[in-house]
Amino acid sequence: MKVSARNTLPGTVRKIKAGAVNAEVTLEVASGIRIVSTITVDAVKTLRLKSGKIAYAVIKASDVIIGVDD
């Protein structure tokens, strides 16, 4: 995965709380340290996110984006 953002933190998906349009995704990036990002439910499906999967918190300005390796 290549992105322009310089702050990329690998982590493990710990929780996905899906709503009608958006979902809150919780990543554990270190023991006891979690980052929560709100992304669309479609993005959760596209990234095939599920509990236990490795994903990345990509921090750019004031946004946190979730990404995965294929």
PDB file of N, CA and C in Angstrom:
ATOM      1  N   MET A   1       0.847  -1.161   0.000  1.00  0.00           N
ATOM      2  CA  MET A   1       0.000   0.000   0.000  1.00  0.00           C
ATOM      3  C   MET A   1       0.893   1.224   0.000  1.00  0.00           C
ATOM      4  N   LYS A   2       0.659   2.143  -0.925  1.00  0.00           N
ATOM      5  CA  LYS A   2       1.391   3.397  -0.973  1.00  0.00           C
ATOM      6  C   LYS A   2       0.395   4.545  -0.864  1.00  0.00           C
ATOM      7  N   VAL A   3       0.663   5.464   0.042  1.00  0.00           N
ATOM      8  CA  VAL A   3      -0.165   6.655   0.211  1.00  0.00           C
ATOM      9  C   VAL A   3       0.755   7.840   0.475  1.00  0.00           C
ATOM     10  N   SER A   4       0.244   9.043   0.257  1.00  0.00           N
ATOM     11  CA  SER A   4       1.059  10.239   0.466  1.00  0.00           C
ATOM     12  C   SER A   4       1.178  10.628   1.933  1.00  0.00           C
ATOM     13  N   ALA A   5       0.264  10.198   2.766  1.00  0.00           N
ATOM     14  CA  ALA A   5       0.301  10.537   4.186  1.00  0.00           C
ATOM     15  C   ALA A   5       1.534   9.916   4.837  1.00  0.00           C
ATOM     16  N   ARG A   6       2.150  10.642   5.737  1.00  0.00           N
ATOM     17  CA  ARG A   6       3.367  10.155   6.405  1.00  0.00           C
ATOM     18  C   ARG A   6       3.085   9.453   7.724  1.00  0.00           C
ATOM     19  N   ASN A   7       1.883   9.590   8.233  1.00  0.00           N
ATOM     20  CA  ASN A   7       1.537   8.984   9.515  1.00  0.00           C
ATOM     21  C   ASN A   7       0.630   7.789   9.296  1.00  0.00           C
ATOM     22  N   THR A   8       1.221   6.619   9.188  1.00  0.00           N
ATOM     23  CA  THR A   8       0.485   5.392   8.950  1.00  0.00           C
ATOM     24  C   THR A   8       0.778   4.430  10.098  1.00  0.00           C
ATOM     25  N   LEU A   9      -0.270   4.032  10.816  1.00  0.00           N
ATOM     26  CA  LEU A   9      -0.109   3.160  11.966  1.00  0.00           C
ATOM     27  C   LEU A   9      -0.782   1.822  11.718  1.00  0.00           C
ATOM     28  N   PRO A  10      -0.008   0.727  11.699  1.00  0.00           N
ATOM     29  CA  PRO A  10      -0.640  -0.582  11.554  1.00  0.00           C
ATOM     30  C   PRO A  10      -1.350  -0.952  12.852  1.00  0.00           C
ATOM     31  N   GLY A  11      -2.434  -1.682  12.723  1.00  0.00           N
ATOM     32  CA  GLY A  11      -3.167  -2.119  13.901  1.00  0.00           C
ATOM     33  C   GLY A  11      -4.075  -3.281  13.585  1.00  0.00           C
ATOM     34  N   THR A  12      -4.769  -3.734  14.596  1.00  0.00           N
ATOM     35  CA  THR A  12      -5.697  -4.849  14.476  1.00  0.00           C
ATOM     36  C   THR A  12      -7.110  -4.331  14.707  1.00  0.00           C
ATOM     37  N   VAL A  13      -8.027  -4.699  13.815  1.00  0.00           N
ATOM     38  CA  VAL A  13      -9.418  -4.296  13.982  1.00  0.00           C
ATOM     39  C   VAL A  13      -9.960  -4.998  15.224  1.00  0.00           C
ATOM     40  N   ARG A  14     -10.465  -4.202  16.160  1.00  0.00           N
ATOM     41  CA  ARG A  14     -11.018  -4.754  17.400  1.00  0.00           C
ATOM     42  C   ARG A  14     -12.534  -4.685  17.443  1.00  0.00           C
ATOM     43  N   LYS A  15     -13.115  -3.713  16.740  1.00  0.00           N
ATOM     44  CA  LYS A  15     -14.567  -3.543  16.812  1.00  0.00           C
ATOM     45  C   LYS A  15     -15.042  -2.779  15.598  1.00  0.00           C
ATOM     46  N   ILE A  16     -16.199  -3.180  15.079  1.00  0.00           N
ATOM     47  CA  ILE A  16     -16.881  -2.447  14.005  1.00  0.00           C
ATOM     48  C   ILE A  16     -18.324  -2.254  14.454  1.00  0.00           C
ATOM     49  N   LYS A  17     -18.716  -0.997  14.581  1.00  0.00           N
ATOM     50  CA  LYS A  17     -20.087  -0.675  14.967  1.00  0.00           C
ATOM     51  C   LYS A  17     -20.751  -0.021  13.765  1.00  0.00           C
ATOM     52  N   ALA A  18     -21.533  -0.805  13.025  1.00  0.00           N
ATOM     53  CA  ALA A  18     -22.141  -0.337  11.781  1.00  0.00           C
ATOM     54  C   ALA A  18     -23.470   0.347  12.038  1.00  0.00           C
ATOM     55  N   GLY A  19     -23.680   1.467  11.340  1.00  0.00           N
ATOM     56  CA  GLY A  19     -24.956   2.159  11.345  1.00  0.00           C
ATOM     57  C   GLY A  19     -25.596   2.017   9.978  1.00  0.00           C
ATOM     58  N   ALA A  20     -26.547   2.870   9.664  1.00  0.00           N
ATOM     59  CA  ALA A  20     -27.233   2.810   8.372  1.00  0.00           C
ATOM     60  C   ALA A  20     -26.306   3.201   7.228  1.00  0.00           C
ATOM     61  N   VAL A  21     -25.452   4.192   7.441  1.00  0.00           N
ATOM     62  CA  VAL A  21     -24.572   4.696   6.379  1.00  0.00           C
ATOM     63  C   VAL A  21     -23.103   4.599   6.769  1.00  0.00           C
ATOM     64  N   ASN A  22     -22.788   4.947   8.017  1.00  0.00           N
ATOM     65  CA  ASN A  22     -21.407   4.962   8.496  1.00  0.00           C
ATOM     66  C   ASN A  22     -21.161   3.864   9.516  1.00  0.00           C
ATOM     67  N   ALA A  23     -19.882   3.591   9.731  1.00  0.00           N
ATOM     68  CA  ALA A  23     -19.473   2.620  10.742  1.00  0.00           C
ATOM     69  C   ALA A  23     -18.313   3.193  11.533  1.00  0.00           C
ATOM     70  N   GLU A  24     -18.256   2.881  12.824  1.00  0.00           N
ATOM     71  CA  GLU A  24     -17.113   3.222  13.652  1.00  0.00           C
ATOM     72  C   GLU A  24     -16.203   2.004  13.683  1.00  0.00           C
ATOM     73  N   VAL A  25     -14.967   2.202  13.265  1.00  0.00           N
ATOM     74  CA  VAL A  25     -13.993   1.117  13.242  1.00  0.00           C
ATOM     75  C   VAL A  25     -12.938   1.412  14.297  1.00  0.00           C
ATOM     76  N   THR A  26     -12.725   0.462  15.195  1.00  0.00           N
ATOM     77  CA  THR A  26     -11.727   0.621  16.245  1.00  0.00           C
ATOM     78  C   THR A  26     -10.520  -0.246  15.924  1.00  0.00           C
ATOM     79  N   LEU A  27      -9.340   0.404  15.836  1.00  0.00           N
ATOM     80  CA  LEU A  27      -8.077  -0.303  15.617  1.00  0.00           C
ATOM     81  C   LEU A  27      -7.247  -0.237  16.887  1.00  0.00           C
ATOM     82  N   GLU A  28      -6.652  -1.350  17.265  1.00  0.00           N
ATOM     83  CA  GLU A  28      -5.686  -1.347  18.359  1.00  0.00           C
ATOM     84  C   GLU A  28      -4.307  -1.259  17.719  1.00  0.00           C
ATOM     85  N   VAL A  29      -3.613  -0.140  17.937  1.00  0.00           N
ATOM     86  CA  VAL A  29      -2.317   0.096  17.286  1.00  0.00           C
ATOM     87  C   VAL A  29      -1.142  -0.264  18.183  1.00  0.00           C
ATOM     88  N   ALA A  30      -1.396  -0.436  19.471  1.00  0.00           N
ATOM     89  CA  ALA A  30      -0.415  -0.917  20.450  1.00  0.00           C
ATOM     90  C   ALA A  30      -1.231  -1.458  21.615  1.00  0.00           C
ATOM     91  N   SER A  31      -0.589  -2.183  22.494  1.00  0.00           N
ATOM     92  CA  SER A  31      -1.315  -2.773  23.611  1.00  0.00           C
ATOM     93  C   SER A  31      -2.059  -1.693  24.396  1.00  0.00           C
ATOM     94  N   GLY A  32      -3.394  -1.765  24.370  1.00  0.00           N
ATOM     95  CA  GLY A  32      -4.219  -0.823  25.098  1.00  0.00           C
ATOM     96  C   GLY A  32      -4.418   0.529  24.423  1.00  0.00           C
ATOM     97  N   ILE A  33      -3.827   0.737  23.250  1.00  0.00           N
ATOM     98  CA  ILE A  33      -3.976   2.008  22.535  1.00  0.00           C
ATOM     99  C   ILE A  33      -4.834   1.781  21.306  1.00  0.00           C
ATOM    100  N   ARG A  34      -5.983   2.468  21.283  1.00  0.00           N
ATOM    101  CA  ARG A  34      -6.951   2.265  20.203  1.00  0.00           C
ATOM    102  C   ARG A  34      -7.260   3.577  19.509  1.00  0.00           C
ATOM    103  N   ILE A  35      -7.508   3.488  18.212  1.00  0.00           N
ATOM    104  CA  ILE A  35      -7.901   4.620  17.383  1.00  0.00           C
ATOM    105  C   ILE A  35      -9.252   4.269  16.780  1.00  0.00           C
ATOM    106  N   VAL A  36     -10.180   5.229  16.814  1.00  0.00           N
ATOM    107  CA  VAL A  36     -11.509   5.017  16.249  1.00  0.00           C
ATOM    108  C   VAL A  36     -11.680   5.942  15.046  1.00  0.00           C
ATOM    109  N   SER A  37     -12.151   5.383  13.945  1.00  0.00           N
ATOM    110  CA  SER A  37     -12.406   6.154  12.731  1.00  0.00           C
ATOM    111  C   SER A  37     -13.826   5.879  12.254  1.00  0.00           C
ATOM    112  N   THR A  38     -14.470   6.923  11.751  1.00  0.00           N
ATOM    113  CA  THR A  38     -15.790   6.761  11.148  1.00  0.00           C
ATOM    114  C   THR A  38     -15.628   6.717   9.641  1.00  0.00           C
ATOM    115  N   ILE A  39     -16.039   5.600   9.040  1.00  0.00           N
ATOM    116  CA  ILE A  39     -15.969   5.426   7.590  1.00  0.00           C
ATOM    117  C   ILE A  39     -17.333   4.910   7.121  1.00  0.00           C
ATOM    118  N   THR A  40     -17.538   4.868   5.827  1.00  0.00           N
ATOM    119  CA  THR A  40     -18.828   4.386   5.329  1.00  0.00           C
ATOM    120  C   THR A  40     -18.926   2.870   5.471  1.00  0.00           C
ATOM    121  N   VAL A  41     -20.152   2.390   5.556  1.00  0.00           N
ATOM    122  CA  VAL A  41     -20.395   0.946   5.592  1.00  0.00           C
ATOM    123  C   VAL A  41     -19.884   0.309   4.297  1.00  0.00           C
ATOM    124  N   ASP A  42     -20.041   1.023   3.169  1.00  0.00           N
ATOM    125  CA  ASP A  42     -19.516   0.521   1.896  1.00  0.00           C
ATOM    126  C   ASP A  42     -17.996   0.338   1.966  1.00  0.00           C
ATOM    127  N   ALA A  43     -17.290   1.270   2.618  1.00  0.00           N
ATOM    128  CA  ALA A  43     -15.837   1.141   2.758  1.00  0.00           C
ATOM    129  C   ALA A  43     -15.474  -0.074   3.605  1.00  0.00           C
ATOM    130  N   VAL A  44     -16.236  -0.327   4.655  1.00  0.00           N
ATOM    131  CA  VAL A  44     -16.007  -1.517   5.482  1.00  0.00           C
ATOM    132  C   VAL A  44     -16.118  -2.775   4.622  1.00  0.00           C
ATOM    133  N   LYS A  45     -17.135  -2.812   3.773  1.00  0.00           N
ATOM    134  CA  LYS A  45     -17.338  -3.972   2.893  1.00  0.00           C
ATOM    135  C   LYS A  45     -16.224  -4.074   1.858  1.00  0.00           C
ATOM    136  N   THR A  46     -15.872  -2.950   1.231  1.00  0.00           N
ATOM    137  CA  THR A  46     -14.826  -2.942   0.198  1.00  0.00           C
ATOM    138  C   THR A  46     -13.481  -3.394   0.758  1.00  0.00           C
ATOM    139  N   LEU A  47     -13.163  -2.929   1.972  1.00  0.00           N
ATOM    140  CA  LEU A  47     -11.897  -3.299   2.608  1.00  0.00           C
ATOM    141  C   LEU A  47     -11.957  -4.675   3.278  1.00  0.00           C
ATOM    142  N   ARG A  48     -13.159  -5.257   3.297  1.00  0.00           N
ATOM    143  CA  ARG A  48     -13.379  -6.563   3.932  1.00  0.00           C
ATOM    144  C   ARG A  48     -12.886  -6.570   5.383  1.00  0.00           C
ATOM    145  N   LEU A  49     -13.223  -5.489   6.080  1.00  0.00           N
ATOM    146  CA  LEU A  49     -12.810  -5.372   7.473  1.00  0.00           C
ATOM    147  C   LEU A  49     -13.614  -6.318   8.345  1.00  0.00           C
ATOM    148  N   LYS A  50     -12.938  -6.921   9.303  1.00  0.00           N
ATOM    149  CA  LYS A  50     -13.586  -7.753  10.300  1.00  0.00           C
ATOM    150  C   LYS A  50     -12.672  -7.789  11.514  1.00  0.00           C
ATOM    151  N   SER A  51     -13.228  -8.137  12.640  1.00  0.00           N
ATOM    152  CA  SER A  51     -12.460  -8.200  13.871  1.00  0.00           C
ATOM    153  C   SER A  51     -11.270  -9.137  13.715  1.00  0.00           C
ATOM    154  N   GLY A  52     -10.095  -8.687  14.133  1.00  0.00           N
ATOM    155  CA  GLY A  52      -8.876  -9.492  14.051  1.00  0.00           C
ATOM    156  C   GLY A  52      -8.040  -9.216  12.821  1.00  0.00           C
ATOM    157  N   LYS A  53      -8.588  -8.521  11.817  1.00  0.00           N
ATOM    158  CA  LYS A  53      -7.846  -8.245  10.590  1.00  0.00           C
ATOM    159  C   LYS A  53      -6.855  -7.103  10.815  1.00  0.00           C
ATOM    160  N   ILE A  54      -5.708  -7.190  10.181  1.00  0.00           N
ATOM    161  CA  ILE A  54      -4.724  -6.116  10.207  1.00  0.00           C
ATOM    162  C   ILE A  54      -5.170  -5.038   9.232  1.00  0.00           C
ATOM    163  N   ALA A  55      -5.131  -3.789   9.693  1.00  0.00           N
ATOM    164  CA  ALA A  55      -5.473  -2.635   8.859  1.00  0.00           C
ATOM    165  C   ALA A  55      -4.582  -1.485   9.290  1.00  0.00           C
ATOM    166  N   TYR A  56      -4.703  -0.368   8.646  1.00  0.00           N
ATOM    167  CA  TYR A  56      -3.845   0.781   8.916  1.00  0.00           C
ATOM    168  C   TYR A  56      -4.670   2.024   9.194  1.00  0.00           C
ATOM    169  N   ALA A  57      -4.273   2.773  10.212  1.00  0.00           N
ATOM    170  CA  ALA A  57      -4.831   4.104  10.442  1.00  0.00           C
ATOM    171  C   ALA A  57      -3.910   5.059   9.688  1.00  0.00           C
ATOM    172  N   VAL A  58      -4.449   5.727   8.688  1.00  0.00           N
ATOM    173  CA  VAL A  58      -3.676   6.674   7.884  1.00  0.00           C
ATOM    174  C   VAL A  58      -4.135   8.073   8.294  1.00  0.00           C
ATOM    175  N   ILE A  59      -3.240   8.805   8.920  1.00  0.00           N
ATOM    176  CA  ILE A  59      -3.606  10.102   9.485  1.00  0.00           C
ATOM    177  C   ILE A  59      -3.074  11.207   8.584  1.00  0.00           C
ATOM    178  N   LYS A  60      -3.983  11.996   8.049  1.00  0.00           N
ATOM    179  CA  LYS A  60      -3.648  13.109   7.150  1.00  0.00           C
ATOM    180  C   LYS A  60      -4.443  14.312   7.627  1.00  0.00           C
ATOM    181  N   ALA A  61      -3.778  15.369   8.020  1.00  0.00           N
ATOM    182  CA  ALA A  61      -4.440  16.566   8.543  1.00  0.00           C
ATOM    183  C   ALA A  61      -5.360  16.162   9.691  1.00  0.00           C
ATOM    184  N   SER A  62      -6.653  16.407   9.575  1.00  0.00           N
ATOM    185  CA  SER A  62      -7.577  16.071  10.660  1.00  0.00           C
ATOM    186  C   SER A  62      -8.359  14.799  10.387  1.00  0.00           C
ATOM    187  N   ASP A  63      -8.014  14.049   9.350  1.00  0.00           N
ATOM    188  CA  ASP A  63      -8.755  12.835   8.994  1.00  0.00           C
ATOM    189  C   ASP A  63      -7.954  11.589   9.315  1.00  0.00           C
ATOM    190  N   VAL A  64      -8.661  10.524   9.651  1.00  0.00           N
ATOM    191  CA  VAL A  64      -8.060   9.207   9.807  1.00  0.00           C
ATOM    192  C   VAL A  64      -8.738   8.298   8.795  1.00  0.00           C
ATOM    193  N   ILE A  65      -7.946   7.682   7.933  1.00  0.00           N
ATOM    194  CA  ILE A  65      -8.440   6.817   6.869  1.00  0.00           C
ATOM    195  C   ILE A  65      -7.982   5.385   7.182  1.00  0.00           C
ATOM    196  N   ILE A  66      -8.819   4.405   6.885  1.00  0.00           N
ATOM    197  CA  ILE A  66      -8.470   3.007   7.113  1.00  0.00           C
ATOM    198  C   ILE A  66      -8.060   2.382   5.785  1.00  0.00           C
ATOM    199  N   GLY A  67      -6.971   1.610   5.783  1.00  0.00           N
ATOM    200  CA  GLY A  67      -6.516   0.925   4.575  1.00  0.00           C
ATOM    201  C   GLY A  67      -6.068  -0.481   4.915  1.00  0.00           C
ATOM    202  N   VAL A  68      -5.998  -1.355   3.915  1.00  0.00           N
ATOM    203  CA  VAL A  68      -5.545  -2.730   4.103  1.00  0.00           C
ATOM    204  C   VAL A  68      -4.649  -3.139   2.940  1.00  0.00           C
ATOM    205  N   ASP A  69      -3.816  -4.133   3.168  1.00  0.00           N
ATOM    206  CA  ASP A  69      -3.072  -4.760   2.078  1.00  0.00           C
ATOM    207  C   ASP A  69      -3.976  -5.781   1.425  1.00  0.00           C
ATOM    208  N   ASP A  70      -3.885  -5.954   0.119  1.00  0.00           N
ATOM    209  CA  ASP A  70      -4.699  -6.979  -0.556  1.00  0.00           C
ATOM    210  C   ASP A  70      -4.094  -8.337  -0.420  1.00  0.00           C
TER     211      ASP A  70
END
